[in-house]
Amino acid sequence: MDDIEQAQRAAVVAEARSWLRTPYHHMGRVKGVGVDCAMLPAEVYAACGLIPPQSVEFYPMDWHLHQTGERYLARVLSYAHEVAEPSPGDMVMWRYGRCLAHGGIVVAWPRIIHSVIGHGVLADDGASMSLNRVGRPRERRFYTLWETAP
């Protein structure tokens, strides 16, 4: 990891931390006012200049329960690619319902920052039982915006 990448990753983590305690609001994207788990990474990465500001069409809160189309993942894959092990600043996604439908930003795995209904943006343990199904782990994948070593 070169110095530029390290600085970018540190900027992502710092920006994500600046969103802590922002209330949860479906489709929200305003720091301190409201944000959901999809808009948080989009706003953080855009603020750091790693992706352009996102224009997002309306999506129902329960879209992932009624369809198998990976809408959230498709957007993530337009800027990132999957990796086996995360580094600070990478994104983590979990399967809820039929799709990968909950995302957060890795601080230092398993520490993450994500937006949760009823809690807002918080620092959390990404390996915790609260993000798992009863009795078995919930499917989880990691994505990075940076190139990986060959």
C-alpha atoms as a PDB file:
ATOM      1  CA  MET A   1       0.000   0.000   0.000  1.00  0.00           C
ATOM      2  CA  ASP A   2       1.587   3.276  -1.062  1.00  0.00           C
ATOM      3  CA  ASP A   3       1.444   6.614   0.787  1.00  0.00           C
ATOM      4  CA  ILE A   4      -1.350   7.999  -1.408  1.00  0.00           C
ATOM      5  CA  GLU A   5      -3.553   4.973  -0.802  1.00  0.00           C
ATOM      6  CA  GLN A   6      -2.840   5.069   2.944  1.00  0.00           C
ATOM      7  CA  ALA A   7      -3.809   8.751   3.044  1.00  0.00           C
ATOM      8  CA  GLN A   8      -7.002   8.085   1.071  1.00  0.00           C
ATOM      9  CA  ARG A   9      -7.981   5.211   3.353  1.00  0.00           C
ATOM     10  CA  ALA A  10      -7.319   7.348   6.440  1.00  0.00           C
ATOM     11  CA  ALA A  11      -9.455  10.126   4.930  1.00  0.00           C
ATOM     12  CA  VAL A  12     -12.333   7.662   4.384  1.00  0.00           C
ATOM     13  CA  VAL A  13     -12.189   6.465   7.993  1.00  0.00           C
ATOM     14  CA  ALA A  14     -11.995  10.055   9.303  1.00  0.00           C
ATOM     15  CA  GLU A  15     -14.937  11.126   7.132  1.00  0.00           C
ATOM     16  CA  ALA A  16     -16.987   8.097   8.234  1.00  0.00           C
ATOM     17  CA  ARG A  17     -16.263   8.977  11.878  1.00  0.00           C
ATOM     18  CA  SER A  18     -17.502  12.527  11.256  1.00  0.00           C
ATOM     19  CA  TRP A  19     -20.944  11.018  10.486  1.00  0.00           C
ATOM     20  CA  LEU A  20     -21.223   9.278  13.885  1.00  0.00           C
ATOM     21  CA  ARG A  21     -24.494  10.017  15.692  1.00  0.00           C
ATOM     22  CA  THR A  22     -26.209  11.131  12.472  1.00  0.00           C
ATOM     23  CA  PRO A  23     -29.783   9.796  12.753  1.00  0.00           C
ATOM     24  CA  TYR A  24     -31.013   7.048  10.452  1.00  0.00           C
ATOM     25  CA  HIS A  25     -33.237   8.368   7.672  1.00  0.00           C
ATOM     26  CA  HIS A  26     -34.256   6.303   4.654  1.00  0.00           C
ATOM     27  CA  MET A  27     -32.521   7.733   1.563  1.00  0.00           C
ATOM     28  CA  GLY A  28     -31.094  10.533   3.705  1.00  0.00           C
ATOM     29  CA  ARG A  29     -27.684  11.866   2.837  1.00  0.00           C
ATOM     30  CA  VAL A  30     -27.067  14.875   5.081  1.00  0.00           C
ATOM     31  CA  LYS A  31     -24.447  14.644   7.826  1.00  0.00           C
ATOM     32  CA  GLY A  32     -25.948  15.342  11.239  1.00  0.00           C
ATOM     33  CA  VAL A  33     -29.496  15.237   9.834  1.00  0.00           C
ATOM     34  CA  GLY A  34     -30.082  11.750   8.417  1.00  0.00           C
ATOM     35  CA  VAL A  35     -28.562   8.950   6.342  1.00  0.00           C
ATOM     36  CA  ASP A  36     -29.205   5.285   5.596  1.00  0.00           C
ATOM     37  CA  CYS A  37     -26.729   2.430   5.124  1.00  0.00           C
ATOM     38  CA  ALA A  38     -26.549   2.883   1.356  1.00  0.00           C
ATOM     39  CA  MET A  39     -26.074   6.639   1.309  1.00  0.00           C
ATOM     40  CA  LEU A  40     -23.464   6.684   4.101  1.00  0.00           C
ATOM     41  CA  PRO A  41     -20.704   4.990   2.057  1.00  0.00           C
ATOM     42  CA  ALA A  42     -21.738   6.917  -1.068  1.00  0.00           C
ATOM     43  CA  GLU A  43     -21.456  10.256   0.733  1.00  0.00           C
ATOM     44  CA  VAL A  44     -18.218   9.327   2.509  1.00  0.00           C
ATOM     45  CA  TYR A  45     -16.432   8.142  -0.646  1.00  0.00           C
ATOM     46  CA  ALA A  46     -17.710  11.158  -2.614  1.00  0.00           C
ATOM     47  CA  ALA A  47     -16.553  13.585   0.111  1.00  0.00           C
ATOM     48  CA  CYS A  48     -13.089  12.019  -0.142  1.00  0.00           C
ATOM     49  CA  GLY A  49     -13.062  12.438  -3.930  1.00  0.00           C
ATOM     50  CA  LEU A  50     -12.948   8.698  -4.626  1.00  0.00           C
ATOM     51  CA  ILE A  51     -16.280   8.509  -6.475  1.00  0.00           C
ATOM     52  CA  PRO A  52     -18.475  11.187  -8.029  1.00  0.00           C
ATOM     53  CA  PRO A  53     -21.548  12.393  -6.124  1.00  0.00           C
ATOM     54  CA  GLN A  54     -24.295   9.819  -6.634  1.00  0.00           C
ATOM     55  CA  SER A  55     -27.708  10.399  -8.128  1.00  0.00           C
ATOM     56  CA  VAL A  56     -29.962   7.717  -6.700  1.00  0.00           C
ATOM     57  CA  GLU A  57     -33.533   6.940  -7.727  1.00  0.00           C
ATOM     58  CA  PHE A  58     -36.151   6.174  -5.085  1.00  0.00           C
ATOM     59  CA  TYR A  59     -35.908   2.741  -3.471  1.00  0.00           C
ATOM     60  CA  PRO A  60     -38.379   1.353  -0.926  1.00  0.00           C
ATOM     61  CA  MET A  61     -37.047   0.544   2.543  1.00  0.00           C
ATOM     62  CA  ASP A  62     -37.907  -3.132   2.065  1.00  0.00           C
ATOM     63  CA  TRP A  63     -36.737  -3.548  -1.552  1.00  0.00           C
ATOM     64  CA  HIS A  64     -34.376  -6.386  -0.565  1.00  0.00           C
ATOM     65  CA  LEU A  65     -37.191  -8.526   0.841  1.00  0.00           C
ATOM     66  CA  HIS A  66     -39.227  -8.712  -2.372  1.00  0.00           C
ATOM     67  CA  GLN A  67     -36.750  -9.053  -5.213  1.00  0.00           C
ATOM     68  CA  THR A  68     -33.524 -10.820  -6.048  1.00  0.00           C
ATOM     69  CA  GLY A  69     -32.014  -8.027  -8.154  1.00  0.00           C
ATOM     70  CA  GLU A  70     -28.811  -6.857  -6.473  1.00  0.00           C
ATOM     71  CA  ARG A  71     -29.462  -3.105  -6.812  1.00  0.00           C
ATOM     72  CA  TYR A  72     -27.112  -2.015  -4.015  1.00  0.00           C
ATOM     73  CA  LEU A  73     -24.363  -4.425  -5.039  1.00  0.00           C
ATOM     74  CA  ALA A  74     -24.601  -3.342  -8.685  1.00  0.00           C
ATOM     75  CA  ARG A  75     -23.902   0.264  -7.661  1.00  0.00           C
ATOM     76  CA  VAL A  76     -20.993  -0.810  -5.429  1.00  0.00           C
ATOM     77  CA  LEU A  77     -19.486  -2.908  -8.239  1.00  0.00           C
ATOM     78  CA  SER A  78     -19.485   0.082 -10.581  1.00  0.00           C
ATOM     79  CA  TYR A  79     -16.678   1.535  -8.403  1.00  0.00           C
ATOM     80  CA  ALA A  80     -15.266  -1.338  -6.356  1.00  0.00           C
ATOM     81  CA  HIS A  81     -14.316  -4.994  -6.535  1.00  0.00           C
ATOM     82  CA  GLU A  82     -14.558  -7.827  -4.039  1.00  0.00           C
ATOM     83  CA  VAL A  83     -11.626  -8.723  -1.795  1.00  0.00           C
ATOM     84  CA  ALA A  84     -11.152 -11.582   0.642  1.00  0.00           C
ATOM     85  CA  GLU A  85      -9.772  -9.508   3.519  1.00  0.00           C
ATOM     86  CA  PRO A  86     -10.692  -5.876   4.199  1.00  0.00           C
ATOM     87  CA  SER A  87      -8.412  -2.952   4.938  1.00  0.00           C
ATOM     88  CA  PRO A  88      -9.385   0.342   6.571  1.00  0.00           C
ATOM     89  CA  GLY A  89     -11.667   2.337   4.278  1.00  0.00           C
ATOM     90  CA  ASP A  90     -13.064  -0.700   2.472  1.00  0.00           C
ATOM     91  CA  MET A  91     -16.762  -1.511   2.425  1.00  0.00           C
ATOM     92  CA  VAL A  92     -18.532  -4.485   3.981  1.00  0.00           C
ATOM     93  CA  MET A  93     -21.963  -5.719   2.890  1.00  0.00           C
ATOM     94  CA  TRP A  94     -24.340  -8.240   4.466  1.00  0.00           C
ATOM     95  CA  ARG A  95     -27.201 -10.248   3.009  1.00  0.00           C
ATOM     96  CA  TYR A  96     -30.571  -9.242   4.420  1.00  0.00           C
ATOM     97  CA  GLY A  97     -33.559 -10.827   2.793  1.00  0.00           C
ATOM     98  CA  ARG A  98     -32.749 -11.842  -0.768  1.00  0.00           C
ATOM     99  CA  CYS A  99     -29.900  -9.415  -1.455  1.00  0.00           C
ATOM    100  CA  LEU A 100     -26.719  -7.879  -0.135  1.00  0.00           C
ATOM    101  CA  ALA A 101     -28.628  -4.997   1.385  1.00  0.00           C
ATOM    102  CA  HIS A 102     -26.733  -3.575   4.359  1.00  0.00           C
ATOM    103  CA  GLY A 103     -23.390  -1.840   4.092  1.00  0.00           C
ATOM    104  CA  GLY A 104     -20.792  -0.211   6.267  1.00  0.00           C
ATOM    105  CA  ILE A 105     -17.262   1.145   6.163  1.00  0.00           C
ATOM    106  CA  VAL A 106     -14.392  -0.813   7.687  1.00  0.00           C
ATOM    107  CA  VAL A 107     -12.365   1.089  10.277  1.00  0.00           C
ATOM    108  CA  ALA A 108     -10.092  -1.858  11.156  1.00  0.00           C
ATOM    109  CA  TRP A 109     -11.903  -5.176  10.800  1.00  0.00           C
ATOM    110  CA  PRO A 110     -14.050  -6.095  12.668  1.00  0.00           C
ATOM    111  CA  ARG A 111     -14.628  -2.426  13.644  1.00  0.00           C
ATOM    112  CA  ILE A 112     -17.043  -0.723  11.272  1.00  0.00           C
ATOM    113  CA  ILE A 113     -19.164   2.398  10.925  1.00  0.00           C
ATOM    114  CA  HIS A 114     -22.683   1.922   9.568  1.00  0.00           C
ATOM    115  CA  SER A 115     -26.183   3.412   9.752  1.00  0.00           C
ATOM    116  CA  VAL A 116     -28.822   1.350  11.537  1.00  0.00           C
ATOM    117  CA  ILE A 117     -32.579   1.856  11.731  1.00  0.00           C
ATOM    118  CA  GLY A 118     -33.443   3.132  15.203  1.00  0.00           C
ATOM    119  CA  HIS A 119     -29.816   3.945  16.073  1.00  0.00           C
ATOM    120  CA  GLY A 120     -28.329   6.060  13.295  1.00  0.00           C
ATOM    121  CA  VAL A 121     -24.645   6.042  12.423  1.00  0.00           C
ATOM    122  CA  LEU A 122     -22.581   4.161  14.942  1.00  0.00           C
ATOM    123  CA  ALA A 123     -19.274   2.405  15.413  1.00  0.00           C
ATOM    124  CA  ASP A 124     -19.873  -1.306  15.796  1.00  0.00           C
ATOM    125  CA  ASP A 125     -18.363  -4.771  15.772  1.00  0.00           C
ATOM    126  CA  GLY A 126     -18.886  -6.151  12.267  1.00  0.00           C
ATOM    127  CA  ALA A 127     -18.524  -9.706  13.530  1.00  0.00           C
ATOM    128  CA  SER A 128     -21.156  -9.262  16.272  1.00  0.00           C
ATOM    129  CA  MET A 129     -24.241 -11.365  16.686  1.00  0.00           C
ATOM    130  CA  SER A 130     -26.434  -8.331  15.973  1.00  0.00           C
ATOM    131  CA  LEU A 131     -25.374  -8.564  12.320  1.00  0.00           C
ATOM    132  CA  ASN A 132     -25.838 -12.344  12.150  1.00  0.00           C
ATOM    133  CA  ARG A 133     -28.803 -14.659  11.860  1.00  0.00           C
ATOM    134  CA  VAL A 134     -29.732 -16.658  14.904  1.00  0.00           C
ATOM    135  CA  GLY A 135     -27.591 -19.779  14.899  1.00  0.00           C
ATOM    136  CA  ARG A 136     -25.464 -19.011  11.850  1.00  0.00           C
ATOM    137  CA  PRO A 137     -23.457 -16.171  10.359  1.00  0.00           C
ATOM    138  CA  ARG A 138     -25.116 -13.863   7.860  1.00  0.00           C
ATOM    139  CA  GLU A 139     -23.437 -13.798   4.433  1.00  0.00           C
ATOM    140  CA  ARG A 140     -20.859 -11.009   4.365  1.00  0.00           C
ATOM    141  CA  ARG A 141     -18.591  -9.686   1.605  1.00  0.00           C
ATOM    142  CA  PHE A 142     -15.885  -7.038   1.399  1.00  0.00           C
ATOM    143  CA  TYR A 143     -15.259  -4.528  -1.407  1.00  0.00           C
ATOM    144  CA  THR A 144     -12.459  -2.072  -2.109  1.00  0.00           C
ATOM    145  CA  LEU A 145     -12.095   0.953  -4.371  1.00  0.00           C
ATOM    146  CA  TRP A 146      -8.331   0.481  -4.519  1.00  0.00           C
ATOM    147  CA  GLU A 147      -6.219  -1.812  -6.672  1.00  0.00           C
ATOM    148  CA  THR A 148      -5.079  -4.979  -4.981  1.00  0.00           C
ATOM    149  CA  ALA A 149      -1.580  -6.421  -5.158  1.00  0.00           C
ATOM    150  CA  PRO A 150      -1.195  -9.062  -7.902  1.00  0.00           C
END
